[in-house]
């Protein structure tokens, strides 16, 4: 996309990143000091963000997909456009998600720990996604990137979105206010919704009770979406098949937390979006928004403070 309006003067902070700088200039933007900028690309958290932005700043691009800390800090205002990195890291998170789900369904954790050949014990426990239904609760960028992986594994997708507008590749899409219908109508669950006051403990004891005894629940969004105590009880008592969490509540998960000792609980330390690929993925996302801004077009991943994401 070529610039049709004018180059945007962008302040990159709080420190210089060569890959992001190249993305900005390559997309038609111009690097500028804060006092002489039209926009800000910020690569750190809210604690270091300048609280008194010049009136000339009309757009702020953040580097994180989740923005609850920015909203809680009261930084995101309505005087200018704010965009997150939602969608920038979708493919790598989707890869991690399908790994976690398959590891659970195929009973991988205990096999990895085994130090002897236990085929007769393990074989009956190994499941498959082929012919199953996987519900993606919060089917945004991550969910849409995950759908082809699930199809390749032979699974059907049930999607839940805020609006309920049909999602490509999903056999059925439900609006968020019908999420309670999902728990008894899918085999496994991927939680990928934004963290808001409305989604806190979205997956609670009542939700677990409606799931199948073989169900696995994968959370790659925010720990607070799942009631951790209820998850422990559900796994320990065989209410569900297991949980696989890349995010936890609390986070970091304390060393002695019961989730660590449960056979059917898989914990990865918030690495679905690894640091090794952050800059490259963010650079592509920023370049796209700079091109759109230069062309006077609508930006992607705009933050709506009223919705909380």
C-alpha atoms as a PDB file:
ATOM      1  CA  UNK A   1       0.000   0.000   0.000  1.00  0.00           C
ATOM      2  CA  UNK A   2       1.514   3.333  -1.036  1.00  0.00           C
ATOM      3  CA  UNK A   3       1.174   6.526   0.919  1.00  0.00           C
ATOM      4  CA  UNK A   4      -1.633   8.635  -0.600  1.00  0.00           C
ATOM      5  CA  UNK A   5      -2.003  11.378   2.019  1.00  0.00           C
ATOM      6  CA  UNK A   6       1.168  12.312   3.873  1.00  0.00           C
ATOM      7  CA  UNK A   7       3.919  10.619   5.835  1.00  0.00           C
ATOM      8  CA  UNK A   8       3.232  10.286   9.545  1.00  0.00           C
ATOM      9  CA  UNK A   9       5.826  11.588  11.988  1.00  0.00           C
ATOM     10  CA  UNK A  10       6.267   8.843  14.544  1.00  0.00           C
ATOM     11  CA  UNK A  11       8.090   8.787  17.861  1.00  0.00           C
ATOM     12  CA  UNK A  12       9.490   5.322  18.658  1.00  0.00           C
ATOM     13  CA  UNK A  13       9.995   4.829  22.376  1.00  0.00           C
ATOM     14  CA  UNK A  14      11.101   4.388  25.001  1.00  0.00           C
ATOM     15  CA  UNK A  15      14.234   2.968  23.330  1.00  0.00           C
ATOM     16  CA  UNK A  16      15.334   2.597  19.727  1.00  0.00           C
ATOM     17  CA  UNK A  17      14.669  -0.726  18.034  1.00  0.00           C
ATOM     18  CA  UNK A  18      16.259  -1.006  14.600  1.00  0.00           C
ATOM     19  CA  UNK A  19      13.767  -3.571  13.268  1.00  0.00           C
ATOM     20  CA  UNK A  20      10.778  -1.469  14.317  1.00  0.00           C
ATOM     21  CA  UNK A  21      12.403   1.713  13.048  1.00  0.00           C
ATOM     22  CA  UNK A  22      12.923   0.098   9.647  1.00  0.00           C
ATOM     23  CA  UNK A  23       9.299  -1.061   9.649  1.00  0.00           C
ATOM     24  CA  UNK A  24       8.100   2.477  10.301  1.00  0.00           C
ATOM     25  CA  UNK A  25      10.232   4.148   7.645  1.00  0.00           C
ATOM     26  CA  UNK A  26       9.717   1.326   5.154  1.00  0.00           C
ATOM     27  CA  UNK A  27       5.960   1.768   5.434  1.00  0.00           C
ATOM     28  CA  UNK A  28       6.151   5.510   4.737  1.00  0.00           C
ATOM     29  CA  UNK A  29       6.487   6.920   8.240  1.00  0.00           C
ATOM     30  CA  UNK A  30       9.112   9.377   9.439  1.00  0.00           C
ATOM     31  CA  UNK A  31      10.891   8.978  12.781  1.00  0.00           C
ATOM     32  CA  UNK A  32      10.579  12.067  14.952  1.00  0.00           C
ATOM     33  CA  UNK A  33      11.151  13.279  18.518  1.00  0.00           C
ATOM     34  CA  UNK A  34       8.076  13.188  20.749  1.00  0.00           C
ATOM     35  CA  UNK A  35       7.485  16.949  20.705  1.00  0.00           C
ATOM     36  CA  UNK A  36       7.446  16.986  16.910  1.00  0.00           C
ATOM     37  CA  UNK A  37       5.479  13.769  16.297  1.00  0.00           C
ATOM     38  CA  UNK A  38       1.965  12.933  15.111  1.00  0.00           C
ATOM     39  CA  UNK A  39       2.030   9.408  16.538  1.00  0.00           C
ATOM     40  CA  UNK A  40       3.790   7.210  19.087  1.00  0.00           C
ATOM     41  CA  UNK A  41       4.900   3.597  18.840  1.00  0.00           C
ATOM     42  CA  UNK A  42       5.574   2.416  22.385  1.00  0.00           C
ATOM     43  CA  UNK A  43       7.387  -0.842  23.081  1.00  0.00           C
ATOM     44  CA  UNK A  44       7.298  -0.893  26.894  1.00  0.00           C
ATOM     45  CA  UNK A  45       4.551  -1.002  29.504  1.00  0.00           C
ATOM     46  CA  UNK A  46       2.396   1.761  30.959  1.00  0.00           C
ATOM     47  CA  UNK A  47       4.736   2.537  33.879  1.00  0.00           C
ATOM     48  CA  UNK A  48       7.258   4.281  31.631  1.00  0.00           C
ATOM     49  CA  UNK A  49       4.766   5.908  29.270  1.00  0.00           C
ATOM     50  CA  UNK A  50       4.770   9.740  29.139  1.00  0.00           C
ATOM     51  CA  UNK A  51       1.568  10.876  30.866  1.00  0.00           C
ATOM     52  CA  UNK A  52       1.342  14.305  29.226  1.00  0.00           C
ATOM     53  CA  UNK A  53       1.412  13.668  25.498  1.00  0.00           C
ATOM     54  CA  UNK A  54       1.642  16.647  23.157  1.00  0.00           C
ATOM     55  CA  UNK A  55      -1.688  17.565  21.598  1.00  0.00           C
ATOM     56  CA  UNK A  56      -0.143  16.809  18.213  1.00  0.00           C
ATOM     57  CA  UNK A  57      -0.156  13.049  19.005  1.00  0.00           C
ATOM     58  CA  UNK A  58      -3.258  11.649  17.333  1.00  0.00           C
ATOM     59  CA  UNK A  59      -2.381   7.938  17.368  1.00  0.00           C
ATOM     60  CA  UNK A  60      -0.601   5.627  19.818  1.00  0.00           C
ATOM     61  CA  UNK A  61       0.448   2.105  18.849  1.00  0.00           C
ATOM     62  CA  UNK A  62       1.110  -0.273  21.762  1.00  0.00           C
ATOM     63  CA  UNK A  63       3.236  -3.407  21.557  1.00  0.00           C
ATOM     64  CA  UNK A  64       0.989  -5.706  23.598  1.00  0.00           C
ATOM     65  CA  UNK A  65      -2.143  -7.542  22.509  1.00  0.00           C
ATOM     66  CA  UNK A  66      -3.665  -7.388  25.978  1.00  0.00           C
ATOM     67  CA  UNK A  67      -4.280  -3.832  27.199  1.00  0.00           C
ATOM     68  CA  UNK A  68      -5.927  -4.265  30.595  1.00  0.00           C
ATOM     69  CA  UNK A  69      -2.921  -2.777  32.424  1.00  0.00           C
ATOM     70  CA  UNK A  70      -3.120   0.328  30.207  1.00  0.00           C
ATOM     71  CA  UNK A  71      -6.819   0.710  30.852  1.00  0.00           C
ATOM     72  CA  UNK A  72      -6.419   0.116  34.588  1.00  0.00           C
ATOM     73  CA  UNK A  73      -3.759   2.832  34.673  1.00  0.00           C
ATOM     74  CA  UNK A  74      -6.158   5.278  33.030  1.00  0.00           C
ATOM     75  CA  UNK A  75      -3.741   6.066  30.212  1.00  0.00           C
ATOM     76  CA  UNK A  76      -5.889   5.208  27.194  1.00  0.00           C
ATOM     77  CA  UNK A  77      -7.992   8.297  26.476  1.00  0.00           C
ATOM     78  CA  UNK A  78     -10.573   9.332  23.904  1.00  0.00           C
ATOM     79  CA  UNK A  79      -8.594  12.304  22.603  1.00  0.00           C
ATOM     80  CA  UNK A  80      -6.653  10.161  20.165  1.00  0.00           C
ATOM     81  CA  UNK A  81      -6.696   6.749  18.497  1.00  0.00           C
ATOM     82  CA  UNK A  82      -5.047   3.872  20.378  1.00  0.00           C
ATOM     83  CA  UNK A  83      -4.176   0.552  18.776  1.00  0.00           C
ATOM     84  CA  UNK A  84      -2.916  -2.652  20.322  1.00  0.00           C
ATOM     85  CA  UNK A  85      -0.902  -5.502  18.847  1.00  0.00           C
ATOM     86  CA  UNK A  86      -3.962  -7.763  18.767  1.00  0.00           C
ATOM     87  CA  UNK A  87      -3.514 -10.234  15.954  1.00  0.00           C
ATOM     88  CA  UNK A  88       0.208  -9.617  15.543  1.00  0.00           C
ATOM     89  CA  UNK A  89       1.216 -12.750  17.406  1.00  0.00           C
ATOM     90  CA  UNK A  90      -1.700 -14.968  16.441  1.00  0.00           C
ATOM     91  CA  UNK A  91       0.112 -17.639  14.444  1.00  0.00           C
ATOM     92  CA  UNK A  92       2.767 -18.422  17.023  1.00  0.00           C
ATOM     93  CA  UNK A  93       0.155 -18.540  19.801  1.00  0.00           C
ATOM     94  CA  UNK A  94      -2.009 -20.788  17.636  1.00  0.00           C
ATOM     95  CA  UNK A  95       0.938 -23.162  17.156  1.00  0.00           C
ATOM     96  CA  UNK A  96       1.455 -23.340  20.908  1.00  0.00           C
ATOM     97  CA  UNK A  97      -2.264 -23.890  21.438  1.00  0.00           C
ATOM     98  CA  UNK A  98      -2.538 -26.878  19.123  1.00  0.00           C
ATOM     99  CA  UNK A  99       0.587 -28.338  20.756  1.00  0.00           C
ATOM    100  CA  UNK A 100      -0.967 -28.056  24.224  1.00  0.00           C
ATOM    101  CA  UNK A 101      -4.278 -29.492  23.108  1.00  0.00           C
ATOM    102  CA  UNK A 102      -2.723 -32.460  21.322  1.00  0.00           C
ATOM    103  CA  UNK A 103      -0.357 -33.102  24.235  1.00  0.00           C
ATOM    104  CA  UNK A 104      -3.322 -33.370  26.552  1.00  0.00           C
ATOM    105  CA  UNK A 105      -5.605 -35.387  24.306  1.00  0.00           C
ATOM    106  CA  UNK A 106      -2.809 -37.821  23.448  1.00  0.00           C
ATOM    107  CA  UNK A 107      -1.780 -38.207  27.108  1.00  0.00           C
ATOM    108  CA  UNK A 108       1.726 -36.954  26.448  1.00  0.00           C
ATOM    109  CA  UNK A 109       2.823 -35.645  29.899  1.00  0.00           C
ATOM    110  CA  UNK A 110       2.946 -39.029  31.611  1.00  0.00           C
ATOM    111  CA  UNK A 111       4.614 -40.637  28.587  1.00  0.00           C
ATOM    112  CA  UNK A 112       7.344 -37.998  28.659  1.00  0.00           C
ATOM    113  CA  UNK A 113       8.068 -38.779  32.297  1.00  0.00           C
ATOM    114  CA  UNK A 114       8.057 -42.552  31.791  1.00  0.00           C
ATOM    115  CA  UNK A 115      11.343 -44.418  32.061  1.00  0.00           C
ATOM    116  CA  UNK A 116      10.017 -47.792  30.909  1.00  0.00           C
ATOM    117  CA  UNK A 117       7.886 -49.220  28.081  1.00  0.00           C
ATOM    118  CA  UNK A 118       4.274 -48.949  29.368  1.00  0.00           C
ATOM    119  CA  UNK A 119       2.256 -49.495  26.190  1.00  0.00           C
ATOM    120  CA  UNK A 120      -0.555 -51.476  27.827  1.00  0.00           C
ATOM    121  CA  UNK A 121      -1.058 -48.700  30.383  1.00  0.00           C
ATOM    122  CA  UNK A 122      -0.813 -45.712  28.044  1.00  0.00           C
ATOM    123  CA  UNK A 123      -2.455 -46.997  24.872  1.00  0.00           C
ATOM    124  CA  UNK A 124      -6.071 -46.866  26.156  1.00  0.00           C
ATOM    125  CA  UNK A 125      -5.571 -43.264  27.342  1.00  0.00           C
ATOM    126  CA  UNK A 126      -4.361 -41.845  24.033  1.00  0.00           C
ATOM    127  CA  UNK A 127      -7.135 -39.899  22.327  1.00  0.00           C
ATOM    128  CA  UNK A 128      -7.539 -38.055  19.039  1.00  0.00           C
ATOM    129  CA  UNK A 129      -8.948 -34.788  17.765  1.00  0.00           C
ATOM    130  CA  UNK A 130     -10.267 -36.521  14.672  1.00  0.00           C
ATOM    131  CA  UNK A 131     -14.053 -36.224  14.681  1.00  0.00           C
ATOM    132  CA  UNK A 132     -14.106 -34.005  17.777  1.00  0.00           C
ATOM    133  CA  UNK A 133     -15.595 -30.553  18.303  1.00  0.00           C
ATOM    134  CA  UNK A 134     -13.321 -27.867  19.705  1.00  0.00           C
ATOM    135  CA  UNK A 135     -14.898 -24.689  21.036  1.00  0.00           C
ATOM    136  CA  UNK A 136     -12.835 -21.514  20.753  1.00  0.00           C
ATOM    137  CA  UNK A 137     -14.152 -19.074  23.325  1.00  0.00           C
ATOM    138  CA  UNK A 138     -13.065 -15.643  22.173  1.00  0.00           C
ATOM    139  CA  UNK A 139     -12.428 -16.473  18.531  1.00  0.00           C
ATOM    140  CA  UNK A 140     -10.440 -13.421  17.453  1.00  0.00           C
ATOM    141  CA  UNK A 141      -7.046 -13.378  15.769  1.00  0.00           C
ATOM    142  CA  UNK A 142      -5.662 -16.356  17.686  1.00  0.00           C
ATOM    143  CA  UNK A 143      -8.791 -18.410  17.156  1.00  0.00           C
ATOM    144  CA  UNK A 144      -8.894 -17.681  13.441  1.00  0.00           C
ATOM    145  CA  UNK A 145      -5.233 -18.677  13.122  1.00  0.00           C
ATOM    146  CA  UNK A 146      -5.955 -21.856  15.082  1.00  0.00           C
ATOM    147  CA  UNK A 147      -8.866 -23.047  12.938  1.00  0.00           C
ATOM    148  CA  UNK A 148      -6.712 -24.417  10.055  1.00  0.00           C
ATOM    149  CA  UNK A 149      -4.633 -26.427  12.558  1.00  0.00           C
ATOM    150  CA  UNK A 150      -7.789 -27.910  14.068  1.00  0.00           C
ATOM    151  CA  UNK A 151      -9.205 -28.735  10.637  1.00  0.00           C
ATOM    152  CA  UNK A 152      -5.939 -30.459   9.722  1.00  0.00           C
ATOM    153  CA  UNK A 153      -6.339 -32.614  12.852  1.00  0.00           C
ATOM    154  CA  UNK A 154      -9.878 -33.547  11.817  1.00  0.00           C
ATOM    155  CA  UNK A 155     -11.740 -31.395  14.344  1.00  0.00           C
ATOM    156  CA  UNK A 156     -14.870 -29.308  13.875  1.00  0.00           C
ATOM    157  CA  UNK A 157     -14.875 -25.789  15.347  1.00  0.00           C
ATOM    158  CA  UNK A 158     -17.504 -24.061  17.454  1.00  0.00           C
ATOM    159  CA  UNK A 159     -16.652 -20.363  17.783  1.00  0.00           C
ATOM    160  CA  UNK A 160     -17.764 -17.822  20.373  1.00  0.00           C
ATOM    161  CA  UNK A 161     -17.339 -14.136  19.596  1.00  0.00           C
ATOM    162  CA  UNK A 162     -18.717 -10.971  21.107  1.00  0.00           C
ATOM    163  CA  UNK A 163     -21.106 -10.347  18.217  1.00  0.00           C
ATOM    164  CA  UNK A 164     -21.833 -13.861  17.016  1.00  0.00           C
ATOM    165  CA  UNK A 165     -21.070 -12.902  13.416  1.00  0.00           C
ATOM    166  CA  UNK A 166     -20.128 -16.156  11.618  1.00  0.00           C
ATOM    167  CA  UNK A 167     -16.412 -16.962  11.675  1.00  0.00           C
ATOM    168  CA  UNK A 168     -14.921 -18.472   8.520  1.00  0.00           C
ATOM    169  CA  UNK A 169     -14.134 -22.127   9.102  1.00  0.00           C
ATOM    170  CA  UNK A 170     -16.382 -22.516  12.143  1.00  0.00           C
ATOM    171  CA  UNK A 171     -19.304 -24.909  11.873  1.00  0.00           C
ATOM    172  CA  UNK A 172     -21.229 -22.685  14.279  1.00  0.00           C
ATOM    173  CA  UNK A 173     -20.625 -19.253  15.785  1.00  0.00           C
ATOM    174  CA  UNK A 174     -22.386 -18.094  18.945  1.00  0.00           C
ATOM    175  CA  UNK A 175     -22.474 -14.643  20.536  1.00  0.00           C
ATOM    176  CA  UNK A 176     -20.803 -14.163  23.917  1.00  0.00           C
ATOM    177  CA  UNK A 177     -24.123 -14.000  25.756  1.00  0.00           C
ATOM    178  CA  UNK A 178     -24.745 -17.628  24.747  1.00  0.00           C
ATOM    179  CA  UNK A 179     -21.408 -18.980  25.968  1.00  0.00           C
ATOM    180  CA  UNK A 180     -23.129 -21.167  28.584  1.00  0.00           C
ATOM    181  CA  UNK A 181     -24.458 -23.308  25.731  1.00  0.00           C
ATOM    182  CA  UNK A 182     -20.937 -24.198  24.680  1.00  0.00           C
ATOM    183  CA  UNK A 183     -19.759 -26.217  27.683  1.00  0.00           C
ATOM    184  CA  UNK A 184     -21.996 -29.214  26.988  1.00  0.00           C
ATOM    185  CA  UNK A 185     -21.731 -29.037  23.203  1.00  0.00           C
ATOM    186  CA  UNK A 186     -17.999 -29.452  22.548  1.00  0.00           C
ATOM    187  CA  UNK A 187     -15.340 -32.008  23.349  1.00  0.00           C
ATOM    188  CA  UNK A 188     -12.497 -29.600  24.129  1.00  0.00           C
ATOM    189  CA  UNK A 189     -12.126 -25.881  24.781  1.00  0.00           C
ATOM    190  CA  UNK A 190      -9.651 -23.168  23.876  1.00  0.00           C
ATOM    191  CA  UNK A 191      -9.957 -19.981  25.909  1.00  0.00           C
ATOM    192  CA  UNK A 192      -8.733 -16.969  23.933  1.00  0.00           C
ATOM    193  CA  UNK A 193     -11.018 -14.143  25.053  1.00  0.00           C
ATOM    194  CA  UNK A 194      -9.854 -10.709  26.247  1.00  0.00           C
ATOM    195  CA  UNK A 195      -9.630 -10.130  29.990  1.00  0.00           C
ATOM    196  CA  UNK A 196     -12.390  -7.760  31.100  1.00  0.00           C
ATOM    197  CA  UNK A 197     -14.644  -7.454  34.101  1.00  0.00           C
ATOM    198  CA  UNK A 198     -17.238  -9.424  32.139  1.00  0.00           C
ATOM    199  CA  UNK A 199     -14.923 -12.353  31.386  1.00  0.00           C
ATOM    200  CA  UNK A 200     -13.353 -12.820  34.838  1.00  0.00           C
ATOM    201  CA  UNK A 201     -13.774 -16.502  35.822  1.00  0.00           C
ATOM    202  CA  UNK A 202     -15.621 -17.132  32.583  1.00  0.00           C
ATOM    203  CA  UNK A 203     -14.706 -20.796  33.055  1.00  0.00           C
ATOM    204  CA  UNK A 204     -15.880 -21.620  36.562  1.00  0.00           C
ATOM    205  CA  UNK A 205     -17.058 -24.678  38.508  1.00  0.00           C
ATOM    206  CA  UNK A 206     -20.422 -24.558  36.754  1.00  0.00           C
ATOM    207  CA  UNK A 207     -18.767 -24.591  33.325  1.00  0.00           C
ATOM    208  CA  UNK A 208     -16.463 -27.482  34.252  1.00  0.00           C
ATOM    209  CA  UNK A 209     -19.450 -29.472  35.537  1.00  0.00           C
ATOM    210  CA  UNK A 210     -21.106 -29.302  32.106  1.00  0.00           C
ATOM    211  CA  UNK A 211     -18.075 -30.568  30.213  1.00  0.00           C
ATOM    212  CA  UNK A 212     -17.338 -34.174  29.305  1.00  0.00           C
ATOM    213  CA  UNK A 213     -15.044 -36.260  31.554  1.00  0.00           C
ATOM    214  CA  UNK A 214     -12.612 -36.426  28.612  1.00  0.00           C
ATOM    215  CA  UNK A 215     -12.577 -32.672  27.915  1.00  0.00           C
ATOM    216  CA  UNK A 216      -9.359 -30.673  27.907  1.00  0.00           C
ATOM    217  CA  UNK A 217      -9.354 -26.927  28.541  1.00  0.00           C
ATOM    218  CA  UNK A 218      -6.526 -24.847  27.061  1.00  0.00           C
ATOM    219  CA  UNK A 219      -6.043 -21.233  28.191  1.00  0.00           C
ATOM    220  CA  UNK A 220      -3.710 -19.029  26.137  1.00  0.00           C
ATOM    221  CA  UNK A 221      -5.342 -15.676  26.891  1.00  0.00           C
ATOM    222  CA  UNK A 222      -5.265 -14.451  30.509  1.00  0.00           C
ATOM    223  CA  UNK A 223      -5.202 -16.469  33.702  1.00  0.00           C
ATOM    224  CA  UNK A 224      -8.166 -14.659  35.247  1.00  0.00           C
ATOM    225  CA  UNK A 225     -10.510 -16.093  32.613  1.00  0.00           C
ATOM    226  CA  UNK A 226     -10.404 -19.426  34.443  1.00  0.00           C
ATOM    227  CA  UNK A 227     -11.239 -20.025  38.102  1.00  0.00           C
ATOM    228  CA  UNK A 228      -7.991 -21.741  39.110  1.00  0.00           C
ATOM    229  CA  UNK A 229      -9.372 -23.407  42.250  1.00  0.00           C
ATOM    230  CA  UNK A 230     -12.296 -24.781  40.258  1.00  0.00           C
ATOM    231  CA  UNK A 231      -9.861 -26.065  37.612  1.00  0.00           C
ATOM    232  CA  UNK A 232      -7.816 -27.902  40.250  1.00  0.00           C
ATOM    233  CA  UNK A 233     -10.960 -29.519  41.662  1.00  0.00           C
ATOM    234  CA  UNK A 234     -12.248 -30.473  38.203  1.00  0.00           C
ATOM    235  CA  UNK A 235      -8.999 -32.199  37.210  1.00  0.00           C
ATOM    236  CA  UNK A 236      -8.381 -33.814  40.591  1.00  0.00           C
ATOM    237  CA  UNK A 237     -11.897 -35.265  40.744  1.00  0.00           C
ATOM    238  CA  UNK A 238     -12.043 -36.446  37.126  1.00  0.00           C
ATOM    239  CA  UNK A 239     -14.777 -33.981  36.155  1.00  0.00           C
ATOM    240  CA  UNK A 240     -12.748 -33.183  33.010  1.00  0.00           C
ATOM    241  CA  UNK A 241      -9.826 -34.795  31.255  1.00  0.00           C
ATOM    242  CA  UNK A 242      -7.291 -32.082  32.016  1.00  0.00           C
ATOM    243  CA  UNK A 243      -6.123 -28.503  31.626  1.00  0.00           C
ATOM    244  CA  UNK A 244      -3.260 -26.938  29.683  1.00  0.00           C
ATOM    245  CA  UNK A 245      -2.449 -23.388  30.741  1.00  0.00           C
ATOM    246  CA  UNK A 246       0.095 -20.999  29.250  1.00  0.00           C
ATOM    247  CA  UNK A 247      -1.339 -18.301  31.519  1.00  0.00           C
ATOM    248  CA  UNK A 248      -2.366 -18.702  35.140  1.00  0.00           C
ATOM    249  CA  UNK A 249      -4.012 -16.931  38.035  1.00  0.00           C
ATOM    250  CA  UNK A 250      -1.915 -16.162  39.990  1.00  0.00           C
ATOM    251  CA  UNK A 251       0.965 -15.604  37.598  1.00  0.00           C
ATOM    252  CA  UNK A 252       3.706 -16.668  37.972  1.00  0.00           C
ATOM    253  CA  UNK A 253       2.207 -19.849  39.359  1.00  0.00           C
ATOM    254  CA  UNK A 254       3.777 -20.468  42.821  1.00  0.00           C
ATOM    255  CA  UNK A 255       6.146 -23.428  43.084  1.00  0.00           C
ATOM    256  CA  UNK A 256       3.951 -25.364  45.500  1.00  0.00           C
ATOM    257  CA  UNK A 257       0.657 -24.742  43.703  1.00  0.00           C
ATOM    258  CA  UNK A 258      -1.421 -27.945  43.309  1.00  0.00           C
ATOM    259  CA  UNK A 259      -1.552 -27.556  39.514  1.00  0.00           C
ATOM    260  CA  UNK A 260       2.132 -28.525  39.360  1.00  0.00           C
ATOM    261  CA  UNK A 261       1.463 -31.935  40.882  1.00  0.00           C
ATOM    262  CA  UNK A 262      -1.623 -32.924  38.894  1.00  0.00           C
ATOM    263  CA  UNK A 263      -0.963 -35.614  36.298  1.00  0.00           C
ATOM    264  CA  UNK A 264      -3.385 -34.070  33.798  1.00  0.00           C
ATOM    265  CA  UNK A 265      -2.335 -30.451  34.137  1.00  0.00           C
ATOM    266  CA  UNK A 266       0.156 -28.980  31.664  1.00  0.00           C
ATOM    267  CA  UNK A 267       1.704 -25.627  32.541  1.00  0.00           C
ATOM    268  CA  UNK A 268       3.912 -23.563  30.244  1.00  0.00           C
ATOM    269  CA  UNK A 269       5.274 -20.256  31.606  1.00  0.00           C
ATOM    270  CA  UNK A 270       3.526 -17.750  29.305  1.00  0.00           C
ATOM    271  CA  UNK A 271       5.702 -18.643  26.315  1.00  0.00           C
ATOM    272  CA  UNK A 272       3.043 -19.122  23.620  1.00  0.00           C
ATOM    273  CA  UNK A 273       4.300 -15.829  22.254  1.00  0.00           C
ATOM    274  CA  UNK A 274       8.073 -16.268  22.729  1.00  0.00           C
ATOM    275  CA  UNK A 275      10.424 -13.322  23.048  1.00  0.00           C
ATOM    276  CA  UNK A 276      12.486 -14.602  20.109  1.00  0.00           C
ATOM    277  CA  UNK A 277       9.756 -13.699  17.637  1.00  0.00           C
ATOM    278  CA  UNK A 278       8.192 -10.626  19.223  1.00  0.00           C
ATOM    279  CA  UNK A 279      10.058  -7.934  17.350  1.00  0.00           C
ATOM    280  CA  UNK A 280       9.547  -9.403  13.882  1.00  0.00           C
ATOM    281  CA  UNK A 281       5.830 -10.004  14.393  1.00  0.00           C
ATOM    282  CA  UNK A 282       5.346  -6.558  15.900  1.00  0.00           C
ATOM    283  CA  UNK A 283       7.279  -4.932  13.054  1.00  0.00           C
ATOM    284  CA  UNK A 284       4.894  -6.385  10.471  1.00  0.00           C
ATOM    285  CA  UNK A 285       1.889  -5.222  12.500  1.00  0.00           C
ATOM    286  CA  UNK A 286       3.286  -1.718  12.917  1.00  0.00           C
ATOM    287  CA  UNK A 287       4.172  -1.460   9.229  1.00  0.00           C
ATOM    288  CA  UNK A 288       0.614  -2.331   8.285  1.00  0.00           C
ATOM    289  CA  UNK A 289      -0.825   0.367  10.550  1.00  0.00           C
ATOM    290  CA  UNK A 290       1.684   2.966   9.380  1.00  0.00           C
ATOM    291  CA  UNK A 291       0.720   2.277   5.775  1.00  0.00           C
ATOM    292  CA  UNK A 292      -2.951   2.581   6.670  1.00  0.00           C
ATOM    293  CA  UNK A 293      -2.354   5.799   8.584  1.00  0.00           C
ATOM    294  CA  UNK A 294      -0.375   7.340   5.752  1.00  0.00           C
ATOM    295  CA  UNK A 295      -3.192   6.455   3.369  1.00  0.00           C
ATOM    296  CA  UNK A 296      -5.844   7.906   5.673  1.00  0.00           C
ATOM    297  CA  UNK A 297      -7.459   4.497   6.140  1.00  0.00           C
ATOM    298  CA  UNK A 298      -8.909   2.791   9.207  1.00  0.00           C
ATOM    299  CA  UNK A 299      -6.287   1.293  11.535  1.00  0.00           C
ATOM    300  CA  UNK A 300      -6.370  -2.314  12.709  1.00  0.00           C
ATOM    301  CA  UNK A 301      -6.624  -3.418  16.352  1.00  0.00           C
ATOM    302  CA  UNK A 302      -8.191  -0.183  17.591  1.00  0.00           C
ATOM    303  CA  UNK A 303      -8.760  -0.166  21.344  1.00  0.00           C
ATOM    304  CA  UNK A 304     -12.264   0.488  22.652  1.00  0.00           C
ATOM    305  CA  UNK A 305     -11.961   1.550  26.325  1.00  0.00           C
ATOM    306  CA  UNK A 306     -15.650   0.800  26.868  1.00  0.00           C
ATOM    307  CA  UNK A 307     -15.176  -2.820  25.832  1.00  0.00           C
ATOM    308  CA  UNK A 308     -11.888  -3.232  27.648  1.00  0.00           C
ATOM    309  CA  UNK A 309      -9.796  -4.268  24.624  1.00  0.00           C
END
